[in-house]
Amino acid sequence: MEIKILKIMKNIAIIMLACIAITSCQNATTEPASAPGYLIAGGERVNAYDGDPANLALVDAYIDAHNARDLEAIASMNIDSTEMLGSFKIVNSVGDLVEGVETHKNTLAAWFDAENPQWNTYFAYSMKVDGQPGEWVITGHKLTRTIDGEETSSYDILDIYIENGKIGGFWVYSRKEK
């Protein structure tokens, strides 16, 4: 009887090992992960993925330099030209184009004196778009300014283009605080 039980246990063990061997040797097929975002460019949908987190540190330092009124630090984080955008450029919230690092520096100096702007960032996200040489940071902040002695605030979103570790340009979208 003991021998019969041992044979049964041996057969069960062999079957279990065979099952483990068979299932462990199967190739697992995985679907490629779908992109977490996209951009419509030239009428075509282009995938967007998480970008380099180092871009967030650059943007934080850039905003800090603005709050400190450090024009030289700001200029040092800008790039003169990029493969994608050409010269450094900004499209502000009313659609005006500021082109060139030196023009940006002069525009900021006048704005700092006139309105004393202060930025308070509340989100930032870095992304990489397929087929583009650089990466993007989308960031939001509350902008507080003093106009004619009265404090006013807006909520701004910036699309910041980064190439070779420097800021190549950005677009500003704004909504006044109610």
N, C-alpha and C. Protein backbone atom coordinates (compact mmCIF):
# COMPACT_ATOMS: atom_id res chain seq x y z
N MET A 1 0.82 -1.19 0.00
CA MET A 1 0.00 0.00 0.00
C MET A 1 0.87 1.25 0.00
N GLU A 2 1.94 1.22 0.81
CA GLU A 2 2.84 2.38 0.85
C GLU A 2 3.50 2.61 -0.50
N ILE A 3 3.86 1.55 -1.18
CA ILE A 3 4.50 1.68 -2.49
C ILE A 3 3.52 2.28 -3.49
N LYS A 4 2.25 1.87 -3.42
CA LYS A 4 1.23 2.39 -4.31
C LYS A 4 1.04 3.90 -4.07
N ILE A 5 1.02 4.33 -2.81
CA ILE A 5 0.87 5.75 -2.47
C ILE A 5 2.09 6.53 -2.96
N LEU A 6 3.27 5.95 -2.78
CA LEU A 6 4.49 6.61 -3.25
C LEU A 6 4.48 6.77 -4.77
N LYS A 7 3.99 5.74 -5.50
CA LYS A 7 3.90 5.83 -6.96
C LYS A 7 2.93 6.94 -7.37
N ILE A 8 1.79 7.01 -6.67
CA ILE A 8 0.80 8.05 -6.98
C ILE A 8 1.40 9.43 -6.72
N MET A 9 2.06 9.60 -5.58
CA MET A 9 2.68 10.89 -5.24
C MET A 9 3.77 11.24 -6.25
N LYS A 10 4.54 10.22 -6.68
CA LYS A 10 5.59 10.45 -7.67
C LYS A 10 4.98 10.92 -8.99
N ASN A 11 3.88 10.28 -9.40
CA ASN A 11 3.21 10.66 -10.64
C ASN A 11 2.64 12.09 -10.55
N ILE A 12 2.07 12.42 -9.38
CA ILE A 12 1.54 13.77 -9.18
C ILE A 12 2.68 14.79 -9.27
N ALA A 13 3.81 14.51 -8.63
CA ALA A 13 4.96 15.41 -8.67
C ALA A 13 5.47 15.59 -10.09
N ILE A 14 5.52 14.49 -10.87
CA ILE A 14 5.99 14.56 -12.26
C ILE A 14 5.02 15.42 -13.09
N ILE A 15 3.73 15.22 -12.90
CA ILE A 15 2.73 16.00 -13.64
C ILE A 15 2.85 17.48 -13.29
N MET A 16 3.02 17.79 -11.99
CA MET A 16 3.16 19.19 -11.56
C MET A 16 4.41 19.82 -12.16
N LEU A 17 5.52 19.12 -12.13
CA LEU A 17 6.75 19.65 -12.72
C LEU A 17 6.60 19.87 -14.22
N ALA A 18 5.91 18.93 -14.89
CA ALA A 18 5.69 19.07 -16.32
C ALA A 18 4.83 20.31 -16.61
N CYS A 19 3.80 20.52 -15.80
CA CYS A 19 2.94 21.71 -15.97
C CYS A 19 3.74 22.99 -15.78
N ILE A 20 4.56 23.02 -14.75
CA ILE A 20 5.38 24.20 -14.49
C ILE A 20 6.34 24.45 -15.65
N ALA A 21 6.98 23.39 -16.12
CA ALA A 21 7.93 23.53 -17.23
C ALA A 21 7.23 24.02 -18.49
N ILE A 22 6.06 23.48 -18.77
CA ILE A 22 5.35 23.87 -19.99
C ILE A 22 4.92 25.34 -19.92
N THR A 23 4.35 25.75 -18.80
CA THR A 23 3.87 27.13 -18.71
C THR A 23 5.00 28.13 -18.61
N SER A 24 6.11 27.76 -18.02
CA SER A 24 7.22 28.71 -17.89
C SER A 24 7.97 28.89 -19.20
N CYS A 25 7.83 27.98 -20.12
CA CYS A 25 8.53 28.08 -21.39
C CYS A 25 7.73 28.83 -22.45
N GLN A 26 6.48 29.16 -22.17
CA GLN A 26 5.68 29.88 -23.15
C GLN A 26 6.15 31.32 -23.25
N ASN A 27 6.23 31.81 -24.47
CA ASN A 27 6.58 33.21 -24.67
C ASN A 27 5.36 34.07 -24.38
N ALA A 28 5.56 35.05 -23.53
CA ALA A 28 4.47 35.98 -23.23
C ALA A 28 4.43 37.04 -24.31
N THR A 29 3.27 37.24 -24.88
CA THR A 29 3.13 38.30 -25.87
C THR A 29 2.53 39.51 -25.18
N THR A 30 3.19 40.62 -25.38
CA THR A 30 2.70 41.85 -24.78
C THR A 30 2.45 42.87 -25.88
N GLU A 31 1.38 43.58 -25.73
CA GLU A 31 1.05 44.66 -26.65
C GLU A 31 1.94 45.85 -26.31
N PRO A 32 2.40 46.60 -27.30
CA PRO A 32 3.16 47.81 -26.97
C PRO A 32 2.26 48.79 -26.20
N ALA A 33 2.85 49.45 -25.23
CA ALA A 33 2.08 50.40 -24.43
C ALA A 33 1.61 51.55 -25.31
N SER A 34 0.37 51.92 -25.15
CA SER A 34 -0.13 53.04 -25.93
C SER A 34 0.42 54.34 -25.34
N ALA A 35 0.57 55.31 -26.19
CA ALA A 35 1.12 56.61 -25.77
C ALA A 35 0.15 57.28 -24.80
N PRO A 36 0.67 57.91 -23.74
CA PRO A 36 -0.22 58.59 -22.80
C PRO A 36 -0.74 59.93 -23.32
N GLY A 37 -0.22 60.38 -24.45
CA GLY A 37 -0.68 61.66 -24.99
C GLY A 37 -0.42 61.73 -26.48
N TYR A 38 -0.84 62.83 -27.08
CA TYR A 38 -0.62 63.03 -28.51
C TYR A 38 -0.66 64.52 -28.84
N LEU A 39 -0.19 64.82 -30.03
CA LEU A 39 -0.22 66.17 -30.58
C LEU A 39 -0.69 66.03 -32.02
N ILE A 40 -1.57 66.90 -32.45
CA ILE A 40 -1.97 66.92 -33.86
C ILE A 40 -1.05 67.93 -34.54
N ALA A 41 -0.20 67.44 -35.43
CA ALA A 41 0.77 68.28 -36.13
C ALA A 41 0.63 68.04 -37.63
N GLY A 42 0.36 69.09 -38.37
CA GLY A 42 0.20 68.96 -39.81
C GLY A 42 -0.95 68.03 -40.18
N GLY A 43 -1.99 67.99 -39.34
CA GLY A 43 -3.13 67.13 -39.59
C GLY A 43 -2.92 65.68 -39.21
N GLU A 44 -1.76 65.37 -38.66
CA GLU A 44 -1.43 63.99 -38.28
C GLU A 44 -1.30 63.88 -36.77
N ARG A 45 -1.79 62.77 -36.23
CA ARG A 45 -1.69 62.51 -34.79
C ARG A 45 -0.31 61.93 -34.49
N VAL A 46 0.43 62.60 -33.60
CA VAL A 46 1.79 62.20 -33.24
C VAL A 46 1.80 61.85 -31.76
N ASN A 47 2.37 60.71 -31.42
CA ASN A 47 2.40 60.25 -30.02
C ASN A 47 3.30 61.12 -29.15
N ALA A 48 2.88 61.28 -27.90
CA ALA A 48 3.66 62.01 -26.90
C ALA A 48 3.85 61.12 -25.68
N TYR A 49 5.04 61.16 -25.11
CA TYR A 49 5.41 60.32 -23.97
C TYR A 49 6.01 61.19 -22.87
N ASP A 50 6.23 60.59 -21.71
CA ASP A 50 6.88 61.30 -20.62
C ASP A 50 8.25 61.78 -21.07
N GLY A 51 8.57 63.03 -20.73
CA GLY A 51 9.87 63.61 -21.07
C GLY A 51 10.86 63.46 -19.93
N ASP A 52 12.01 64.05 -20.11
CA ASP A 52 13.09 63.99 -19.13
C ASP A 52 12.73 64.84 -17.91
N PRO A 53 12.73 64.26 -16.70
CA PRO A 53 12.43 65.04 -15.50
C PRO A 53 13.40 66.20 -15.26
N ALA A 54 14.60 66.15 -15.84
CA ALA A 54 15.55 67.26 -15.70
C ALA A 54 14.97 68.55 -16.28
N ASN A 55 14.06 68.42 -17.25
CA ASN A 55 13.40 69.60 -17.82
C ASN A 55 12.62 70.37 -16.76
N LEU A 56 12.05 69.66 -15.80
CA LEU A 56 11.27 70.30 -14.74
C LEU A 56 12.17 71.16 -13.86
N ALA A 57 13.37 70.66 -13.56
CA ALA A 57 14.33 71.44 -12.76
C ALA A 57 14.74 72.71 -13.51
N LEU A 58 14.93 72.60 -14.82
CA LEU A 58 15.28 73.77 -15.63
C LEU A 58 14.16 74.81 -15.58
N VAL A 59 12.93 74.38 -15.75
CA VAL A 59 11.80 75.31 -15.74
C VAL A 59 11.63 75.93 -14.36
N ASP A 60 11.79 75.15 -13.29
CA ASP A 60 11.71 75.71 -11.93
C ASP A 60 12.79 76.77 -11.72
N ALA A 61 14.01 76.49 -12.17
CA ALA A 61 15.10 77.47 -12.04
C ALA A 61 14.80 78.72 -12.87
N TYR A 62 14.20 78.54 -14.02
CA TYR A 62 13.83 79.65 -14.91
C TYR A 62 12.81 80.56 -14.23
N ILE A 63 11.78 79.97 -13.65
CA ILE A 63 10.75 80.76 -12.94
C ILE A 63 11.37 81.43 -11.72
N ASP A 64 12.23 80.71 -10.98
CA ASP A 64 12.90 81.32 -9.82
C ASP A 64 13.73 82.53 -10.24
N ALA A 65 14.42 82.42 -11.37
CA ALA A 65 15.22 83.55 -11.87
C ALA A 65 14.32 84.73 -12.25
N HIS A 66 13.15 84.46 -12.77
CA HIS A 66 12.19 85.54 -13.06
C HIS A 66 11.75 86.22 -11.77
N ASN A 67 11.41 85.43 -10.76
CA ASN A 67 10.98 86.01 -9.48
C ASN A 67 12.11 86.80 -8.82
N ALA A 68 13.36 86.40 -9.06
CA ALA A 68 14.52 87.10 -8.49
C ALA A 68 14.97 88.27 -9.37
N ARG A 69 14.34 88.45 -10.53
CA ARG A 69 14.69 89.51 -11.48
C ARG A 69 16.13 89.37 -11.99
N ASP A 70 16.59 88.13 -12.12
CA ASP A 70 17.97 87.86 -12.54
C ASP A 70 18.01 87.68 -14.05
N LEU A 71 18.12 88.79 -14.76
CA LEU A 71 18.08 88.77 -16.23
C LEU A 71 19.21 87.97 -16.85
N GLU A 72 20.38 88.00 -16.23
CA GLU A 72 21.52 87.24 -16.77
C GLU A 72 21.28 85.73 -16.63
N ALA A 73 20.73 85.31 -15.49
CA ALA A 73 20.42 83.88 -15.30
C ALA A 73 19.36 83.44 -16.30
N ILE A 74 18.35 84.27 -16.50
CA ILE A 74 17.29 83.95 -17.47
C ILE A 74 17.89 83.80 -18.86
N ALA A 75 18.69 84.78 -19.27
CA ALA A 75 19.31 84.74 -20.61
C ALA A 75 20.20 83.51 -20.78
N SER A 76 20.89 83.10 -19.71
CA SER A 76 21.78 81.94 -19.80
C SER A 76 21.02 80.63 -19.96
N MET A 77 19.74 80.61 -19.59
CA MET A 77 18.92 79.40 -19.74
C MET A 77 18.20 79.36 -21.09
N ASN A 78 18.24 80.47 -21.83
CA ASN A 78 17.66 80.53 -23.17
C ASN A 78 18.69 80.07 -24.19
N ILE A 79 18.23 79.50 -25.29
CA ILE A 79 19.12 79.11 -26.39
C ILE A 79 18.86 80.07 -27.55
N ASP A 80 19.92 80.48 -28.23
CA ASP A 80 19.78 81.46 -29.32
C ASP A 80 18.92 80.93 -30.47
N SER A 81 19.13 79.65 -30.82
CA SER A 81 18.32 79.08 -31.89
C SER A 81 18.18 77.58 -31.68
N THR A 82 17.10 77.03 -32.25
CA THR A 82 16.83 75.60 -32.13
C THR A 82 16.58 75.02 -33.51
N GLU A 83 16.73 73.73 -33.60
CA GLU A 83 16.46 73.02 -34.85
C GLU A 83 14.98 73.16 -35.22
N MET A 84 14.12 73.13 -34.22
CA MET A 84 12.69 73.12 -34.50
C MET A 84 12.09 74.52 -34.70
N LEU A 85 12.45 75.47 -33.85
CA LEU A 85 11.80 76.79 -33.87
C LEU A 85 12.61 77.87 -34.57
N GLY A 86 13.87 77.61 -34.86
CA GLY A 86 14.74 78.67 -35.35
C GLY A 86 15.17 79.51 -34.17
N SER A 87 15.05 80.83 -34.26
CA SER A 87 15.50 81.70 -33.17
C SER A 87 14.60 81.55 -31.94
N PHE A 88 15.15 81.93 -30.78
CA PHE A 88 14.38 81.94 -29.53
C PHE A 88 13.14 82.81 -29.72
N LYS A 89 11.99 82.31 -29.27
CA LYS A 89 10.77 83.11 -29.44
C LYS A 89 9.75 82.81 -28.36
N ILE A 90 8.94 83.83 -28.10
CA ILE A 90 7.83 83.74 -27.15
C ILE A 90 6.61 84.31 -27.85
N VAL A 91 5.49 83.63 -27.69
CA VAL A 91 4.20 84.20 -28.08
C VAL A 91 3.46 84.43 -26.78
N ASN A 92 3.24 85.71 -26.44
CA ASN A 92 2.62 86.01 -25.14
C ASN A 92 1.11 85.81 -25.20
N SER A 93 0.45 86.06 -24.08
CA SER A 93 -0.98 85.74 -23.95
C SER A 93 -1.89 86.57 -24.86
N VAL A 94 -1.40 87.67 -25.39
CA VAL A 94 -2.22 88.46 -26.33
C VAL A 94 -1.77 88.25 -27.78
N GLY A 95 -0.86 87.30 -27.99
CA GLY A 95 -0.43 86.95 -29.34
C GLY A 95 0.76 87.70 -29.87
N ASP A 96 1.37 88.58 -29.05
CA ASP A 96 2.56 89.30 -29.50
C ASP A 96 3.76 88.36 -29.53
N LEU A 97 4.61 88.53 -30.53
CA LEU A 97 5.82 87.73 -30.68
C LEU A 97 7.02 88.49 -30.14
N VAL A 98 7.74 87.85 -29.23
CA VAL A 98 9.02 88.37 -28.74
C VAL A 98 10.07 87.43 -29.31
N GLU A 99 10.95 87.94 -30.15
CA GLU A 99 11.91 87.07 -30.84
C GLU A 99 13.33 87.48 -30.51
N GLY A 100 14.14 86.50 -30.10
CA GLY A 100 15.54 86.72 -29.78
C GLY A 100 15.78 86.85 -28.28
N VAL A 101 16.91 86.32 -27.84
CA VAL A 101 17.26 86.33 -26.41
C VAL A 101 17.43 87.75 -25.89
N GLU A 102 18.09 88.61 -26.66
CA GLU A 102 18.32 89.99 -26.21
C GLU A 102 17.01 90.78 -26.13
N THR A 103 16.14 90.59 -27.10
CA THR A 103 14.82 91.25 -27.07
C THR A 103 14.03 90.78 -25.86
N HIS A 104 14.10 89.48 -25.57
CA HIS A 104 13.42 88.94 -24.39
C HIS A 104 13.94 89.59 -23.12
N LYS A 105 15.24 89.71 -23.02
CA LYS A 105 15.87 90.33 -21.84
C LYS A 105 15.40 91.77 -21.66
N ASN A 106 15.39 92.54 -22.73
CA ASN A 106 14.95 93.95 -22.67
C ASN A 106 13.45 94.06 -22.34
N THR A 107 12.65 93.19 -22.93
CA THR A 107 11.21 93.19 -22.66
C THR A 107 10.94 92.87 -21.19
N LEU A 108 11.66 91.87 -20.66
CA LEU A 108 11.49 91.51 -19.25
C LEU A 108 11.89 92.65 -18.32
N ALA A 109 13.02 93.31 -18.61
CA ALA A 109 13.49 94.41 -17.75
C ALA A 109 12.42 95.49 -17.64
N ALA A 110 11.81 95.85 -18.76
CA ALA A 110 10.76 96.87 -18.75
C ALA A 110 9.53 96.37 -18.00
N TRP A 111 9.17 95.11 -18.20
CA TRP A 111 7.99 94.54 -17.54
C TRP A 111 8.19 94.44 -16.03
N PHE A 112 9.39 94.00 -15.62
CA PHE A 112 9.69 93.91 -14.19
C PHE A 112 9.51 95.28 -13.52
N ASP A 113 10.02 96.33 -14.16
CA ASP A 113 9.90 97.69 -13.61
C ASP A 113 8.45 98.18 -13.60
N ALA A 114 7.71 97.88 -14.63
CA ALA A 114 6.35 98.41 -14.77
C ALA A 114 5.32 97.69 -13.89
N GLU A 115 5.44 96.34 -13.75
CA GLU A 115 4.34 95.60 -13.12
C GLU A 115 4.76 94.68 -11.97
N ASN A 116 6.05 94.55 -11.71
CA ASN A 116 6.54 93.71 -10.61
C ASN A 116 5.87 92.32 -10.60
N PRO A 117 5.96 91.56 -11.69
CA PRO A 117 5.29 90.26 -11.74
C PRO A 117 5.94 89.23 -10.79
N GLN A 118 5.11 88.36 -10.23
CA GLN A 118 5.57 87.26 -9.36
C GLN A 118 4.84 85.99 -9.79
N TRP A 119 5.60 84.90 -9.95
CA TRP A 119 5.05 83.63 -10.39
C TRP A 119 4.97 82.65 -9.23
N ASN A 120 3.88 81.90 -9.17
CA ASN A 120 3.72 80.84 -8.19
C ASN A 120 3.25 79.59 -8.94
N THR A 121 4.19 78.69 -9.22
CA THR A 121 3.90 77.49 -10.02
C THR A 121 3.05 76.50 -9.24
N TYR A 122 2.05 75.92 -9.91
CA TYR A 122 1.23 74.90 -9.25
C TYR A 122 1.23 73.56 -9.98
N PHE A 123 1.78 73.47 -11.19
CA PHE A 123 2.00 72.17 -11.81
C PHE A 123 3.01 72.31 -12.94
N ALA A 124 3.64 71.18 -13.27
CA ALA A 124 4.54 71.11 -14.42
C ALA A 124 4.63 69.65 -14.87
N TYR A 125 4.70 69.45 -16.17
CA TYR A 125 4.79 68.10 -16.73
C TYR A 125 5.71 68.14 -17.95
N SER A 126 6.66 67.21 -18.00
CA SER A 126 7.61 67.14 -19.10
C SER A 126 7.15 66.07 -20.10
N MET A 127 7.22 66.40 -21.39
CA MET A 127 6.81 65.42 -22.40
C MET A 127 7.71 65.47 -23.64
N LYS A 128 7.77 64.33 -24.32
CA LYS A 128 8.53 64.17 -25.55
C LYS A 128 7.55 63.78 -26.65
N VAL A 129 7.58 64.50 -27.76
CA VAL A 129 6.70 64.22 -28.89
C VAL A 129 7.53 63.51 -29.97
N ASP A 130 7.02 62.36 -30.45
CA ASP A 130 7.72 61.61 -31.50
C ASP A 130 8.05 62.52 -32.68
N GLY A 131 9.28 62.40 -33.18
CA GLY A 131 9.69 63.13 -34.38
C GLY A 131 10.16 64.55 -34.14
N GLN A 132 10.14 65.02 -32.90
CA GLN A 132 10.63 66.37 -32.61
C GLN A 132 11.99 66.28 -31.92
N PRO A 133 12.91 67.19 -32.24
CA PRO A 133 14.26 67.09 -31.67
C PRO A 133 14.32 67.41 -30.17
N GLY A 134 13.45 68.24 -29.68
CA GLY A 134 13.49 68.64 -28.27
C GLY A 134 12.34 68.05 -27.49
N GLU A 135 12.10 68.62 -26.31
CA GLU A 135 11.02 68.18 -25.44
C GLU A 135 10.24 69.41 -24.97
N TRP A 136 9.13 69.16 -24.31
CA TRP A 136 8.23 70.22 -23.85
C TRP A 136 7.99 70.11 -22.36
N VAL A 137 7.77 71.24 -21.72
CA VAL A 137 7.23 71.26 -20.36
C VAL A 137 5.97 72.11 -20.42
N ILE A 138 4.89 71.54 -19.94
CA ILE A 138 3.65 72.29 -19.80
C ILE A 138 3.54 72.62 -18.32
N THR A 139 3.43 73.90 -18.01
CA THR A 139 3.42 74.32 -16.61
C THR A 139 2.34 75.37 -16.38
N GLY A 140 1.81 75.37 -15.19
CA GLY A 140 0.80 76.35 -14.82
C GLY A 140 1.24 77.11 -13.59
N HIS A 141 0.87 78.37 -13.55
CA HIS A 141 1.21 79.19 -12.38
C HIS A 141 0.19 80.31 -12.21
N LYS A 142 0.20 80.83 -11.01
CA LYS A 142 -0.57 82.04 -10.74
C LYS A 142 0.41 83.19 -10.87
N LEU A 143 0.06 84.16 -11.70
CA LEU A 143 0.90 85.33 -11.93
C LEU A 143 0.24 86.52 -11.25
N THR A 144 0.97 87.15 -10.34
CA THR A 144 0.47 88.34 -9.65
C THR A 144 1.28 89.54 -10.11
N ARG A 145 0.58 90.63 -10.49
CA ARG A 145 1.23 91.85 -10.97
C ARG A 145 0.61 93.06 -10.29
N THR A 146 1.35 94.14 -10.28
CA THR A 146 0.82 95.40 -9.76
C THR A 146 0.72 96.38 -10.92
N ILE A 147 -0.51 96.73 -11.27
CA ILE A 147 -0.76 97.63 -12.39
C ILE A 147 -1.44 98.88 -11.85
N ASP A 148 -0.80 100.03 -12.07
CA ASP A 148 -1.32 101.31 -11.57
C ASP A 148 -1.64 101.25 -10.08
N GLY A 149 -0.75 100.62 -9.32
CA GLY A 149 -0.90 100.53 -7.87
C GLY A 149 -1.89 99.48 -7.40
N GLU A 150 -2.53 98.77 -8.31
CA GLU A 150 -3.52 97.76 -7.93
C GLU A 150 -3.01 96.36 -8.30
N GLU A 151 -3.12 95.43 -7.33
CA GLU A 151 -2.67 94.06 -7.57
C GLU A 151 -3.72 93.31 -8.38
N THR A 152 -3.25 92.59 -9.38
CA THR A 152 -4.13 91.77 -10.22
C THR A 152 -3.46 90.42 -10.43
N SER A 153 -4.27 89.39 -10.61
CA SER A 153 -3.73 88.04 -10.79
C SER A 153 -4.37 87.35 -11.98
N SER A 154 -3.60 86.43 -12.55
CA SER A 154 -4.11 85.58 -13.63
C SER A 154 -3.55 84.18 -13.42
N TYR A 155 -4.21 83.23 -14.06
CA TYR A 155 -3.72 81.86 -14.08
C TYR A 155 -3.20 81.62 -15.48
N ASP A 156 -1.93 81.25 -15.57
CA ASP A 156 -1.27 81.10 -16.87
C ASP A 156 -0.83 79.66 -17.08
N ILE A 157 -0.89 79.23 -18.32
CA ILE A 157 -0.33 77.95 -18.76
C ILE A 157 0.75 78.29 -19.78
N LEU A 158 1.91 77.68 -19.64
CA LEU A 158 3.00 77.87 -20.59
C LEU A 158 3.33 76.55 -21.25
N ASP A 159 3.49 76.56 -22.57
CA ASP A 159 4.06 75.44 -23.33
C ASP A 159 5.49 75.86 -23.62
N ILE A 160 6.44 75.23 -22.93
CA ILE A 160 7.85 75.62 -23.03
C ILE A 160 8.61 74.57 -23.83
N TYR A 161 9.27 75.01 -24.90
CA TYR A 161 10.06 74.11 -25.73
C TYR A 161 11.51 74.12 -25.26
N ILE A 162 12.08 72.91 -25.06
CA ILE A 162 13.45 72.76 -24.57
C ILE A 162 14.24 71.92 -25.57
N GLU A 163 15.41 72.44 -25.94
CA GLU A 163 16.30 71.71 -26.83
C GLU A 163 17.72 71.85 -26.31
N ASN A 164 18.45 70.76 -26.26
CA ASN A 164 19.84 70.75 -25.77
C ASN A 164 19.96 71.34 -24.36
N GLY A 165 18.97 71.07 -23.52
CA GLY A 165 19.03 71.51 -22.12
C GLY A 165 18.77 72.99 -21.90
N LYS A 166 18.28 73.69 -22.93
CA LYS A 166 17.99 75.12 -22.80
C LYS A 166 16.60 75.43 -23.36
N ILE A 167 16.07 76.56 -22.95
CA ILE A 167 14.73 76.96 -23.37
C ILE A 167 14.81 77.65 -24.72
N GLY A 168 14.05 77.10 -25.68
CA GLY A 168 14.06 77.62 -27.04
C GLY A 168 12.89 78.54 -27.35
N GLY A 169 11.89 78.52 -26.50
CA GLY A 169 10.73 79.38 -26.70
C GLY A 169 9.55 78.87 -25.91
N PHE A 170 8.51 79.69 -25.86
CA PHE A 170 7.28 79.25 -25.18
C PHE A 170 6.09 80.07 -25.61
N TRP A 171 4.92 79.49 -25.36
CA TRP A 171 3.63 80.11 -25.63
C TRP A 171 2.93 80.28 -24.29
N VAL A 172 2.27 81.43 -24.12
CA VAL A 172 1.58 81.74 -22.86
C VAL A 172 0.08 81.82 -23.12
N TYR A 173 -0.69 81.12 -22.30
CA TYR A 173 -2.15 81.18 -22.33
C TYR A 173 -2.58 81.67 -20.95
N SER A 174 -3.51 82.62 -20.89
CA SER A 174 -3.81 83.26 -19.62
C SER A 174 -5.32 83.44 -19.40
N ARG A 175 -5.71 83.35 -18.12
CA ARG A 175 -7.08 83.64 -17.71
C ARG A 175 -7.02 84.49 -16.45
N LYS A 176 -7.71 85.60 -16.45
CA LYS A 176 -7.72 86.47 -15.27
C LYS A 176 -8.38 85.77 -14.09
N GLU A 177 -7.86 86.04 -12.91
CA GLU A 177 -8.49 85.53 -11.70
C GLU A 177 -9.77 86.34 -11.47
N LYS A 178 -10.82 85.66 -11.05
CA LYS A 178 -12.10 86.36 -10.81
C LYS A 178 -12.21 86.79 -9.39
